[in-house]
Amino acid sequence: METVSSVPVFARRNVAYAGATLCCLLWGSSYPAIKSGYELFAIATDDIPSKIVFAGYRFLFAGLLLLLFAMAQRKPIARLSQRQYGQIAFLGLTQTSIQYIFFYIGLAFTTGVKGSIMNATGTFFSVLLAHLIYKNDRLSYNKSIGCVLGFAGVMLVNVNPSLMDFSFSLMGDGFVVLAAFILSASMLYGKRISQTVDPTVMTGWQLAFGGGVLVLGGYLTGGTLAVHSMKAAALLGYLTLLSSIAFALWSVLLKYNRVSMIAPFNFVVPVAGTVLSAIFLGENILEMKYAIALVLVCSGIWWVNKPKA
């Protein structure tokens, strides 16, 4: 009887793990896609407003795609109360608009290596905030060990002489950490909203609203975006698709699972992003550090989700 009753729980966990891994692999694939996008759309490295416009269209189209998908499933996308519209608008403003503005500005004032590591602090924020908010999601020895192992894997992937520079820039490193905190807090807020609003509808509206704000803000600060080829349009289409799938699936996972169970999978993103960037951008990945980093990240995820004795 005990075995039979435990099978559905085990199966649900495996589905959740697979879904979280898929989300993080999709987000990891956005690293080389965005880098290629800057070239295809002729966006200069220091042209932050145009980068914001580019990101804005990606999320705006992703949100609209999700709303169309929800309509095809005959879900009521407009049958929301005034309070729910306000909550979703606030979620889109924080999780998509403000978070990405701080992230892009921060990256402009720090190195890519340090930015990647600082951004990984978001997992710690998620686990700590969940500990403070949810009684059934308290911080434990296993979770602490898992987070440390995962973070060690992220640091190993980014081993670079610049790591020896321990200077801290408020506009650079500080803004990236702030972006990570805003993302973690807003995702927990989204988990709360998803209890009363369908996750697909919620994610569609928040991405569309947040993306629209980014597009408007980017253009008002001097950004531009021109489609120079079909390849550029196809790339934007891919980024739109991966954003809609990953964000919608992540919202569903957070709705039905503990935050500390899902959040550590975020450590997979920078590792997958580095490896996929190397594969698609022709960089060298034949280094032992990538294999060790992957082992550390997977070990960290295992420790976080290790059943209690």
Protein backbone atom coordinates (compact mmCIF):
# COMPACT_ATOMS: atom_id res chain seq x y z
CA MET A 1 0.00 0.00 0.00
CA GLU A 2 2.86 2.33 0.88
CA THR A 3 4.58 1.59 -2.44
CA VAL A 4 1.45 2.18 -4.49
CA SER A 5 0.66 5.51 -2.81
CA SER A 6 4.24 6.73 -3.29
CA VAL A 7 4.30 6.10 -7.05
CA PRO A 8 2.20 9.16 -8.08
CA VAL A 9 4.35 11.44 -5.88
CA PHE A 10 7.53 10.02 -7.40
CA ALA A 11 6.11 10.40 -10.90
CA ARG A 12 5.06 14.00 -10.25
CA ARG A 13 8.53 14.82 -8.97
CA ASN A 14 10.16 13.34 -12.07
CA VAL A 15 7.84 15.37 -14.30
CA ALA A 16 8.69 18.51 -12.29
CA TYR A 17 12.44 17.81 -12.56
CA ALA A 18 12.17 17.22 -16.31
CA GLY A 19 10.11 20.38 -16.77
CA ALA A 20 12.51 22.52 -14.74
CA THR A 21 15.50 21.12 -16.66
CA LEU A 22 13.78 21.87 -19.98
CA CYS A 23 13.08 25.47 -18.89
CA CYS A 24 16.70 26.01 -17.90
CA LEU A 25 18.04 24.46 -21.11
CA LEU A 26 15.77 26.78 -23.10
CA TRP A 27 16.94 29.81 -21.12
CA GLY A 28 20.53 28.61 -21.53
CA SER A 29 20.04 28.46 -25.31
CA SER A 30 19.00 32.12 -25.24
CA TYR A 31 22.62 33.14 -24.49
CA PRO A 32 24.03 32.22 -27.94
CA ALA A 33 20.74 33.24 -29.60
CA ILE A 34 20.87 36.75 -28.08
CA LYS A 35 24.56 37.13 -28.97
CA SER A 36 23.77 36.14 -32.56
CA GLY A 37 20.76 38.47 -32.48
CA TYR A 38 22.93 41.48 -31.67
CA GLU A 39 24.94 40.76 -34.82
CA LEU A 40 21.95 40.06 -37.06
CA PHE A 41 20.10 43.18 -35.88
CA ALA A 42 23.35 45.25 -35.95
CA ILE A 43 23.08 46.29 -32.29
CA ALA A 44 26.30 47.77 -30.91
CA THR A 45 27.75 46.41 -27.66
CA ASP A 46 27.16 49.67 -25.76
CA ASP A 47 23.71 50.37 -27.29
CA ILE A 48 21.61 49.50 -24.22
CA PRO A 49 18.36 51.19 -25.46
CA SER A 50 18.34 49.05 -28.63
CA LYS A 51 19.06 45.93 -26.55
CA ILE A 52 16.06 46.81 -24.39
CA VAL A 53 13.88 47.22 -27.51
CA PHE A 54 15.11 43.83 -28.75
CA ALA A 55 14.28 42.19 -25.39
CA GLY A 56 10.96 44.01 -25.25
CA TYR A 57 9.75 42.65 -28.59
CA ARG A 58 10.86 39.16 -27.56
CA PHE A 59 8.70 39.25 -24.41
CA LEU A 60 5.81 41.16 -25.97
CA PHE A 61 5.47 38.59 -28.78
CA ALA A 62 5.94 35.72 -26.29
CA GLY A 63 3.10 37.06 -24.16
CA LEU A 64 0.78 37.50 -27.13
CA LEU A 65 1.63 33.98 -28.32
CA LEU A 66 0.70 32.55 -24.91
CA LEU A 67 -2.59 34.47 -24.87
CA LEU A 68 -3.43 33.08 -28.32
CA PHE A 69 -2.58 29.61 -27.07
CA ALA A 70 -4.83 30.12 -24.05
CA MET A 71 -7.66 31.28 -26.33
CA ALA A 72 -7.21 28.16 -28.48
CA GLN A 73 -7.67 26.13 -25.29
CA ARG A 74 -10.83 28.16 -24.62
CA LYS A 75 -9.43 29.65 -21.45
CA PRO A 76 -11.02 32.98 -20.44
CA ILE A 77 -8.12 35.39 -20.94
CA ALA A 78 -10.16 38.56 -20.24
CA ARG A 79 -12.36 37.31 -17.43
CA LEU A 80 -10.24 38.78 -14.67
CA SER A 81 -11.14 41.15 -11.87
CA GLN A 82 -9.72 44.66 -11.69
CA ARG A 83 -7.55 43.53 -8.78
CA GLN A 84 -6.16 40.60 -10.79
CA TYR A 85 -5.34 42.87 -13.74
CA GLY A 86 -3.49 45.16 -11.34
CA GLN A 87 -1.57 42.25 -9.82
CA ILE A 88 -0.53 40.90 -13.23
CA ALA A 89 0.48 44.37 -14.46
CA PHE A 90 2.65 44.80 -11.36
CA LEU A 91 4.15 41.35 -11.96
CA GLY A 92 4.98 42.22 -15.58
CA LEU A 93 6.49 45.55 -14.54
CA THR A 94 8.77 43.94 -11.94
CA GLN A 95 9.56 40.48 -13.33
CA THR A 96 10.01 41.54 -16.96
CA SER A 97 10.52 45.31 -17.27
CA ILE A 98 12.40 46.55 -14.19
CA GLN A 99 14.38 43.35 -13.73
CA TYR A 100 15.72 43.40 -17.31
CA ILE A 101 16.51 47.13 -17.21
CA PHE A 102 18.64 46.65 -14.08
CA PHE A 103 20.22 43.53 -15.62
CA TYR A 104 21.23 45.24 -18.90
CA ILE A 105 22.54 48.36 -17.15
CA GLY A 106 24.46 46.18 -14.70
CA LEU A 107 26.07 44.14 -17.48
CA ALA A 108 27.21 47.38 -19.15
CA PHE A 109 29.24 48.26 -16.03
CA THR A 110 30.70 44.86 -15.12
CA THR A 111 32.34 41.92 -16.89
CA GLY A 112 30.30 39.08 -18.37
CA VAL A 113 32.02 36.63 -16.03
CA LYS A 114 31.16 38.54 -12.86
CA GLY A 115 27.68 39.31 -14.18
CA SER A 116 26.94 35.62 -14.71
CA ILE A 117 28.06 34.75 -11.18
CA MET A 118 26.22 37.67 -9.57
CA ASN A 119 23.05 36.73 -11.46
CA ALA A 120 23.26 33.20 -10.01
CA THR A 121 22.65 34.69 -6.56
CA GLY A 122 18.97 34.75 -7.56
CA THR A 123 18.69 31.07 -6.58
CA PHE A 124 19.84 31.90 -3.05
CA PHE A 125 17.28 34.71 -2.87
CA SER A 126 14.50 32.34 -3.99
CA VAL A 127 15.36 29.71 -1.38
CA LEU A 128 15.75 32.29 1.42
CA LEU A 129 12.53 34.14 0.55
CA ALA A 130 10.65 30.84 0.38
CA HIS A 131 12.01 30.03 3.86
CA LEU A 132 10.58 33.31 5.19
CA ILE A 133 7.22 33.11 3.38
CA TYR A 134 6.21 29.42 3.29
CA LYS A 135 6.05 27.27 6.43
CA ASN A 136 6.44 24.06 4.39
CA ASP A 137 9.54 25.33 2.55
CA ARG A 138 12.04 25.98 5.33
CA LEU A 139 15.78 26.18 4.76
CA SER A 140 17.57 22.97 5.72
CA TYR A 141 21.06 21.48 5.81
CA ASN A 142 20.47 19.67 2.50
CA LYS A 143 19.20 22.82 0.78
CA SER A 144 22.19 24.82 2.02
CA ILE A 145 24.67 22.20 0.78
CA GLY A 146 22.85 21.99 -2.57
CA CYS A 147 22.89 25.76 -3.13
CA VAL A 148 26.60 25.98 -2.29
CA LEU A 149 27.44 23.12 -4.70
CA GLY A 150 25.35 24.66 -7.48
CA PHE A 151 26.92 28.08 -7.01
CA ALA A 152 30.38 26.47 -7.02
CA GLY A 153 29.54 24.94 -10.41
CA VAL A 154 28.54 28.34 -11.79
CA MET A 155 31.78 29.89 -10.50
CA LEU A 156 33.85 27.07 -12.01
CA VAL A 157 32.32 27.60 -15.45
CA ASN A 158 33.30 31.25 -15.21
CA VAL A 159 36.87 30.69 -13.99
CA ASN A 160 38.71 33.68 -15.36
CA PRO A 161 41.59 35.97 -14.30
CA SER A 162 39.02 38.76 -13.82
CA LEU A 163 37.64 36.84 -10.84
CA MET A 164 40.78 37.89 -8.97
CA ASP A 165 39.47 41.46 -9.13
CA PHE A 166 37.33 41.71 -6.00
CA SER A 167 36.14 45.27 -6.64
CA PHE A 168 32.40 45.82 -6.36
CA SER A 169 30.64 48.30 -8.63
CA LEU A 170 27.19 49.50 -7.52
CA MET A 171 26.09 50.33 -11.09
CA GLY A 172 27.55 47.06 -12.35
CA ASP A 173 27.64 44.17 -9.88
CA GLY A 174 25.09 45.83 -7.59
CA PHE A 175 22.50 46.24 -10.35
CA VAL A 176 22.92 42.62 -11.49
CA VAL A 177 22.38 41.37 -7.92
CA LEU A 178 19.38 43.70 -7.57
CA ALA A 179 17.95 42.31 -10.83
CA ALA A 180 18.39 38.77 -9.46
CA PHE A 181 16.59 39.72 -6.25
CA ILE A 182 13.71 41.40 -8.13
CA LEU A 183 13.31 38.31 -10.33
CA SER A 184 13.26 35.96 -7.32
CA ALA A 185 10.77 38.08 -5.37
CA SER A 186 8.50 38.59 -8.38
CA MET A 187 8.46 34.86 -9.18
CA LEU A 188 7.26 34.17 -5.64
CA TYR A 189 4.62 36.85 -6.15
CA GLY A 190 3.66 35.14 -9.41
CA LYS A 191 3.30 31.83 -7.53
CA ARG A 192 0.74 33.55 -5.30
CA ILE A 193 -1.22 34.99 -8.25
CA SER A 194 -1.21 31.62 -10.05
CA GLN A 195 -3.36 30.15 -7.26
CA THR A 196 -6.33 32.20 -8.54
CA VAL A 197 -5.37 32.86 -12.19
CA ASP A 198 -4.48 30.23 -14.81
CA PRO A 199 -0.63 30.18 -15.10
CA THR A 200 -0.70 30.41 -18.92
CA VAL A 201 -3.04 33.43 -18.86
CA MET A 202 -1.06 35.07 -16.06
CA THR A 203 2.28 34.56 -17.83
CA GLY A 204 0.87 35.73 -21.17
CA TRP A 205 -0.44 39.00 -19.77
CA GLN A 206 2.62 39.73 -17.63
CA LEU A 207 5.06 39.08 -20.51
CA ALA A 208 2.98 41.16 -22.93
CA PHE A 209 2.68 44.06 -20.48
CA GLY A 210 6.31 43.91 -19.32
CA GLY A 211 7.57 43.54 -22.90
CA GLY A 212 5.44 46.47 -24.05
CA VAL A 213 6.94 48.68 -21.32
CA LEU A 214 10.46 47.63 -22.40
CA VAL A 215 9.74 48.41 -26.07
CA LEU A 216 8.33 51.84 -25.19
CA GLY A 217 11.16 52.62 -22.77
CA GLY A 218 13.80 51.50 -25.27
CA TYR A 219 12.44 53.69 -28.06
CA LEU A 220 12.02 56.71 -25.75
CA THR A 221 15.70 56.47 -24.75
CA GLY A 222 16.89 56.35 -28.35
CA GLY A 223 16.80 52.65 -29.18
CA THR A 224 16.04 51.27 -32.64
CA LEU A 225 15.46 47.86 -34.17
CA ALA A 226 15.40 46.96 -37.84
CA VAL A 227 14.92 43.48 -39.35
CA HIS A 228 17.72 43.12 -41.90
CA SER A 229 17.07 39.52 -42.99
CA MET A 230 14.82 36.49 -42.69
CA LYS A 231 17.48 34.95 -40.48
CA ALA A 232 17.04 37.81 -38.01
CA ALA A 233 13.25 37.38 -38.04
CA ALA A 234 13.60 33.61 -37.52
CA LEU A 235 15.93 34.19 -34.57
CA LEU A 236 13.48 36.59 -32.94
CA GLY A 237 10.78 33.96 -33.54
CA TYR A 238 12.88 31.34 -31.74
CA LEU A 239 13.50 33.66 -28.77
CA THR A 240 9.78 34.39 -28.65
CA LEU A 241 8.92 30.69 -28.65
CA LEU A 242 11.46 29.70 -25.99
CA SER A 243 10.37 32.56 -23.72
CA SER A 244 6.69 31.65 -23.97
CA ILE A 245 7.32 27.94 -23.31
CA ALA A 246 9.89 28.40 -20.53
CA PHE A 247 8.09 31.13 -18.57
CA ALA A 248 4.67 29.45 -18.82
CA LEU A 249 6.05 26.04 -17.78
CA TRP A 250 8.06 27.59 -14.93
CA SER A 251 4.89 29.32 -13.63
CA VAL A 252 3.04 25.99 -13.65
CA LEU A 253 5.92 24.28 -11.83
CA LEU A 254 6.01 26.98 -9.15
CA LYS A 255 2.25 26.77 -8.70
CA TYR A 256 2.30 23.07 -7.81
CA ASN A 257 5.75 22.63 -6.22
CA ARG A 258 7.87 24.08 -3.44
CA VAL A 259 10.07 26.99 -4.53
CA SER A 260 13.22 25.43 -3.03
CA MET A 261 12.59 22.29 -5.09
CA ILE A 262 12.47 24.15 -8.42
CA ALA A 263 14.71 27.22 -7.91
CA PRO A 264 18.10 25.37 -7.75
CA PHE A 265 17.60 24.23 -11.35
CA ASN A 266 18.47 27.85 -12.24
CA PHE A 267 22.10 26.89 -11.69
CA VAL A 268 21.79 24.86 -14.91
CA VAL A 269 21.16 28.05 -16.94
CA PRO A 270 24.69 29.59 -16.94
CA VAL A 271 26.32 26.16 -17.40
CA ALA A 272 24.02 25.29 -20.32
CA GLY A 273 24.42 28.81 -21.71
CA THR A 274 28.21 28.56 -21.68
CA VAL A 275 28.28 25.11 -23.28
CA LEU A 276 25.63 25.96 -25.92
CA SER A 277 27.39 29.24 -26.70
CA ALA A 278 30.60 27.30 -27.24
CA ILE A 279 28.85 24.80 -29.53
CA PHE A 280 26.88 27.28 -31.66
CA LEU A 281 29.42 30.11 -31.65
CA GLY A 282 32.39 27.84 -32.36
CA GLU A 283 34.17 28.27 -29.03
CA ASN A 284 36.28 25.62 -27.31
CA ILE A 285 34.43 23.49 -24.72
CA LEU A 286 36.94 20.66 -24.44
CA GLU A 287 37.87 21.61 -20.90
CA MET A 288 37.53 19.53 -17.75
CA LYS A 289 35.94 22.44 -15.87
CA TYR A 290 32.68 22.11 -17.84
CA ALA A 291 32.26 18.45 -16.87
CA ILE A 292 33.10 19.19 -13.21
CA ALA A 293 30.74 22.18 -13.18
CA LEU A 294 27.91 20.06 -14.52
CA VAL A 295 28.56 17.42 -11.85
CA LEU A 296 28.55 20.11 -9.15
CA VAL A 297 25.29 21.63 -10.39
CA CYS A 298 23.57 18.24 -10.66
CA SER A 299 24.87 17.26 -7.20
CA GLY A 300 23.52 20.52 -5.82
CA ILE A 301 20.07 19.87 -7.28
CA TRP A 302 20.15 16.33 -5.89
CA TRP A 303 21.06 17.56 -2.40
CA VAL A 304 18.28 20.15 -2.39
CA ASN A 305 15.67 17.52 -3.34
CA LYS A 306 17.16 14.66 -1.31
CA PRO A 307 14.36 12.97 0.68
CA LYS A 308 14.63 13.19 4.44
CA ALA A 309 15.81 10.05 6.18
